[in-house]
N, C-alpha and C. Protein backbone atom coordinates (compact mmCIF):
# COMPACT_ATOMS: atom_id res chain seq x y z
N MET A 1 -27.80 -6.73 50.03
CA MET A 1 -26.39 -6.68 49.79
C MET A 1 -25.81 -8.06 49.53
N GLY A 2 -26.45 -9.06 49.97
CA GLY A 2 -25.94 -10.39 49.81
C GLY A 2 -26.41 -11.06 48.53
N GLU A 3 -26.85 -10.24 47.54
CA GLU A 3 -27.35 -10.81 46.30
C GLU A 3 -26.19 -11.30 45.44
N THR A 4 -26.39 -12.40 44.78
CA THR A 4 -25.37 -12.91 43.86
C THR A 4 -25.79 -12.58 42.44
N VAL A 5 -24.83 -12.24 41.67
CA VAL A 5 -25.10 -11.90 40.27
C VAL A 5 -24.80 -13.12 39.43
N GLU A 6 -25.81 -13.55 38.68
CA GLU A 6 -25.62 -14.71 37.82
C GLU A 6 -25.03 -14.25 36.49
N LYS A 7 -24.03 -14.95 36.05
CA LYS A 7 -23.44 -14.65 34.75
C LYS A 7 -24.13 -15.50 33.72
N LYS A 8 -24.57 -14.84 32.67
CA LYS A 8 -25.21 -15.57 31.58
C LYS A 8 -24.13 -16.12 30.66
N ALA A 9 -24.35 -17.30 30.18
CA ALA A 9 -23.39 -17.91 29.26
C ALA A 9 -23.45 -17.17 27.92
N ALA A 10 -22.29 -16.90 27.37
CA ALA A 10 -22.22 -16.21 26.08
C ALA A 10 -22.75 -17.15 25.00
N PRO A 11 -23.50 -16.57 24.05
CA PRO A 11 -24.01 -17.43 22.98
C PRO A 11 -22.85 -18.01 22.17
N LYS A 12 -23.02 -19.23 21.75
CA LYS A 12 -21.95 -19.89 20.99
C LYS A 12 -21.88 -19.30 19.59
N LYS A 13 -20.66 -19.01 19.19
CA LYS A 13 -20.45 -18.43 17.86
C LYS A 13 -20.26 -19.56 16.86
N ALA A 14 -20.71 -19.29 15.64
CA ALA A 14 -20.49 -20.27 14.58
C ALA A 14 -18.99 -20.31 14.29
N LYS A 15 -18.46 -21.48 14.08
CA LYS A 15 -17.03 -21.62 13.82
C LYS A 15 -16.68 -21.05 12.45
N LYS A 16 -15.70 -20.16 12.45
CA LYS A 16 -15.26 -19.54 11.20
C LYS A 16 -14.25 -20.44 10.52
N PRO A 17 -14.20 -20.40 9.19
CA PRO A 17 -13.17 -21.20 8.52
C PRO A 17 -11.79 -20.63 8.86
N GLY A 18 -10.79 -21.46 8.81
CA GLY A 18 -9.44 -21.04 9.16
C GLY A 18 -8.93 -19.94 8.26
N PHE A 19 -8.06 -19.13 8.81
CA PHE A 19 -7.50 -18.01 8.07
C PHE A 19 -6.77 -18.48 6.81
N PHE A 20 -5.96 -19.50 6.95
CA PHE A 20 -5.15 -19.95 5.82
C PHE A 20 -6.01 -20.62 4.75
N LYS A 21 -7.13 -21.21 5.14
CA LYS A 21 -8.04 -21.76 4.14
C LYS A 21 -8.65 -20.64 3.31
N GLY A 22 -8.96 -19.53 3.96
CA GLY A 22 -9.49 -18.36 3.25
C GLY A 22 -8.45 -17.77 2.31
N VAL A 23 -7.22 -17.70 2.78
CA VAL A 23 -6.14 -17.18 1.94
C VAL A 23 -5.95 -18.07 0.72
N LYS A 24 -5.99 -19.37 0.94
CA LYS A 24 -5.80 -20.31 -0.17
C LYS A 24 -6.91 -20.16 -1.21
N SER A 25 -8.14 -19.99 -0.75
CA SER A 25 -9.24 -19.84 -1.71
C SER A 25 -9.14 -18.52 -2.47
N GLU A 26 -8.65 -17.47 -1.80
CA GLU A 26 -8.49 -16.19 -2.49
C GLU A 26 -7.35 -16.25 -3.51
N PHE A 27 -6.29 -16.97 -3.20
CA PHE A 27 -5.17 -17.11 -4.14
C PHE A 27 -5.60 -17.83 -5.41
N LYS A 28 -6.58 -18.71 -5.30
CA LYS A 28 -7.06 -19.40 -6.49
C LYS A 28 -7.78 -18.44 -7.44
N LYS A 29 -8.29 -17.32 -6.92
CA LYS A 29 -9.03 -16.35 -7.73
C LYS A 29 -8.11 -15.37 -8.47
N ILE A 30 -6.84 -15.33 -8.10
CA ILE A 30 -5.91 -14.36 -8.69
C ILE A 30 -5.55 -14.77 -10.11
N SER A 31 -5.58 -13.79 -11.02
CA SER A 31 -5.09 -14.04 -12.37
C SER A 31 -3.74 -13.33 -12.50
N TRP A 32 -2.68 -14.10 -12.52
CA TRP A 32 -1.34 -13.54 -12.55
C TRP A 32 -1.00 -13.07 -13.96
N PRO A 33 -0.31 -11.92 -14.10
CA PRO A 33 0.07 -11.43 -15.43
C PRO A 33 1.14 -12.32 -16.05
N ASP A 34 1.15 -12.32 -17.38
CA ASP A 34 2.16 -13.11 -18.07
C ASP A 34 3.51 -12.37 -18.06
N LYS A 35 4.54 -13.05 -18.53
CA LYS A 35 5.90 -12.52 -18.47
C LYS A 35 6.04 -11.22 -19.27
N ASN A 36 5.44 -11.17 -20.45
CA ASN A 36 5.54 -9.99 -21.31
C ASN A 36 4.86 -8.78 -20.65
N SER A 37 3.70 -8.99 -20.09
CA SER A 37 2.98 -7.90 -19.43
C SER A 37 3.76 -7.38 -18.22
N THR A 38 4.33 -8.29 -17.46
CA THR A 38 5.12 -7.90 -16.29
C THR A 38 6.33 -7.08 -16.71
N PHE A 39 6.99 -7.47 -17.79
CA PHE A 39 8.14 -6.73 -18.28
C PHE A 39 7.75 -5.32 -18.71
N LYS A 40 6.65 -5.20 -19.47
CA LYS A 40 6.20 -3.88 -19.94
C LYS A 40 5.83 -2.97 -18.77
N GLN A 41 5.16 -3.51 -17.78
CA GLN A 41 4.78 -2.70 -16.63
C GLN A 41 6.00 -2.28 -15.82
N SER A 42 6.98 -3.15 -15.71
CA SER A 42 8.21 -2.82 -14.99
C SER A 42 8.97 -1.71 -15.70
N VAL A 43 9.05 -1.79 -17.02
CA VAL A 43 9.72 -0.73 -17.80
C VAL A 43 8.98 0.60 -17.63
N ALA A 44 7.66 0.54 -17.62
CA ALA A 44 6.87 1.77 -17.45
C ALA A 44 7.13 2.39 -16.08
N VAL A 45 7.17 1.58 -15.04
CA VAL A 45 7.40 2.10 -13.68
C VAL A 45 8.78 2.73 -13.57
N VAL A 46 9.81 2.06 -14.10
CA VAL A 46 11.16 2.60 -14.02
C VAL A 46 11.26 3.89 -14.83
N SER A 47 10.67 3.92 -16.02
CA SER A 47 10.73 5.11 -16.88
C SER A 47 10.04 6.30 -16.21
N ILE A 48 8.87 6.08 -15.68
CA ILE A 48 8.13 7.17 -15.03
C ILE A 48 8.89 7.65 -13.80
N SER A 49 9.49 6.74 -13.06
CA SER A 49 10.26 7.12 -11.87
C SER A 49 11.44 8.01 -12.25
N ILE A 50 12.12 7.68 -13.34
CA ILE A 50 13.24 8.50 -13.80
C ILE A 50 12.77 9.88 -14.23
N VAL A 51 11.68 9.93 -14.99
CA VAL A 51 11.15 11.22 -15.46
C VAL A 51 10.74 12.09 -14.27
N VAL A 52 10.03 11.52 -13.31
CA VAL A 52 9.60 12.29 -12.14
C VAL A 52 10.82 12.75 -11.34
N GLY A 53 11.84 11.90 -11.22
CA GLY A 53 13.06 12.29 -10.52
C GLY A 53 13.75 13.47 -11.19
N VAL A 54 13.81 13.46 -12.52
CA VAL A 54 14.43 14.56 -13.26
C VAL A 54 13.62 15.85 -13.07
N ILE A 55 12.30 15.75 -13.12
CA ILE A 55 11.44 16.93 -12.92
C ILE A 55 11.66 17.51 -11.52
N ILE A 56 11.71 16.66 -10.51
CA ILE A 56 11.94 17.13 -9.14
C ILE A 56 13.31 17.78 -9.02
N ALA A 57 14.34 17.20 -9.66
CA ALA A 57 15.68 17.77 -9.60
C ALA A 57 15.72 19.15 -10.25
N ILE A 58 15.03 19.31 -11.38
CA ILE A 58 14.99 20.61 -12.07
C ILE A 58 14.27 21.64 -11.20
N LEU A 59 13.11 21.25 -10.64
CA LEU A 59 12.38 22.17 -9.76
C LEU A 59 13.22 22.55 -8.55
N ASP A 60 13.94 21.61 -7.99
CA ASP A 60 14.79 21.88 -6.84
C ASP A 60 15.88 22.89 -7.20
N TYR A 61 16.49 22.70 -8.36
CA TYR A 61 17.54 23.62 -8.80
C TYR A 61 16.98 25.02 -9.01
N VAL A 62 15.83 25.13 -9.66
CA VAL A 62 15.23 26.44 -9.94
C VAL A 62 14.84 27.13 -8.64
N ILE A 63 14.22 26.40 -7.73
CA ILE A 63 13.81 27.01 -6.46
C ILE A 63 15.02 27.42 -5.65
N GLN A 64 16.05 26.61 -5.64
CA GLN A 64 17.27 26.94 -4.91
C GLN A 64 17.91 28.20 -5.50
N TYR A 65 17.94 28.29 -6.82
CA TYR A 65 18.50 29.47 -7.47
C TYR A 65 17.68 30.71 -7.10
N GLY A 66 16.36 30.57 -7.11
CA GLY A 66 15.50 31.71 -6.77
C GLY A 66 15.68 32.15 -5.33
N VAL A 67 15.78 31.22 -4.41
CA VAL A 67 15.98 31.58 -3.00
C VAL A 67 17.34 32.23 -2.81
N ASN A 68 18.37 31.71 -3.44
CA ASN A 68 19.71 32.31 -3.33
C ASN A 68 19.74 33.70 -3.95
N PHE A 69 19.01 33.90 -5.04
CA PHE A 69 18.95 35.21 -5.70
C PHE A 69 18.28 36.23 -4.76
N ILE A 70 17.18 35.82 -4.14
CA ILE A 70 16.46 36.71 -3.24
C ILE A 70 17.30 36.98 -1.97
N ALA A 71 17.99 35.96 -1.47
CA ALA A 71 18.76 36.11 -0.24
C ALA A 71 19.97 37.02 -0.42
N THR A 72 20.52 37.10 -1.63
CA THR A 72 21.72 37.91 -1.84
C THR A 72 21.38 39.33 -2.24
N MET A 73 20.14 39.68 -2.31
CA MET A 73 19.77 41.05 -2.71
C MET A 73 20.08 42.04 -1.65
C-alpha cells in the first residue's frame, strides 16, 4: 500500500510553427480575382437571388391559394 507511483515525463513535442506564420504563408498562395471578374460574379449572385426569390414567392402564393381553397370547401 505504501508504493509510490512514478510519473513518466511526457515526450517533448516538436515545436510547431506559429499560427499566424501559417496564415501568412497560405495568403501568399491565394490568387485574388480581378475587378471585372468580381463584378460579373456579383451580378450573377444578385440576379440568381432575385430569380429564386420570385420563384419562392410564386410557389408560396399558389400553395396558399390551394390551402385556402381546400379549407373553404
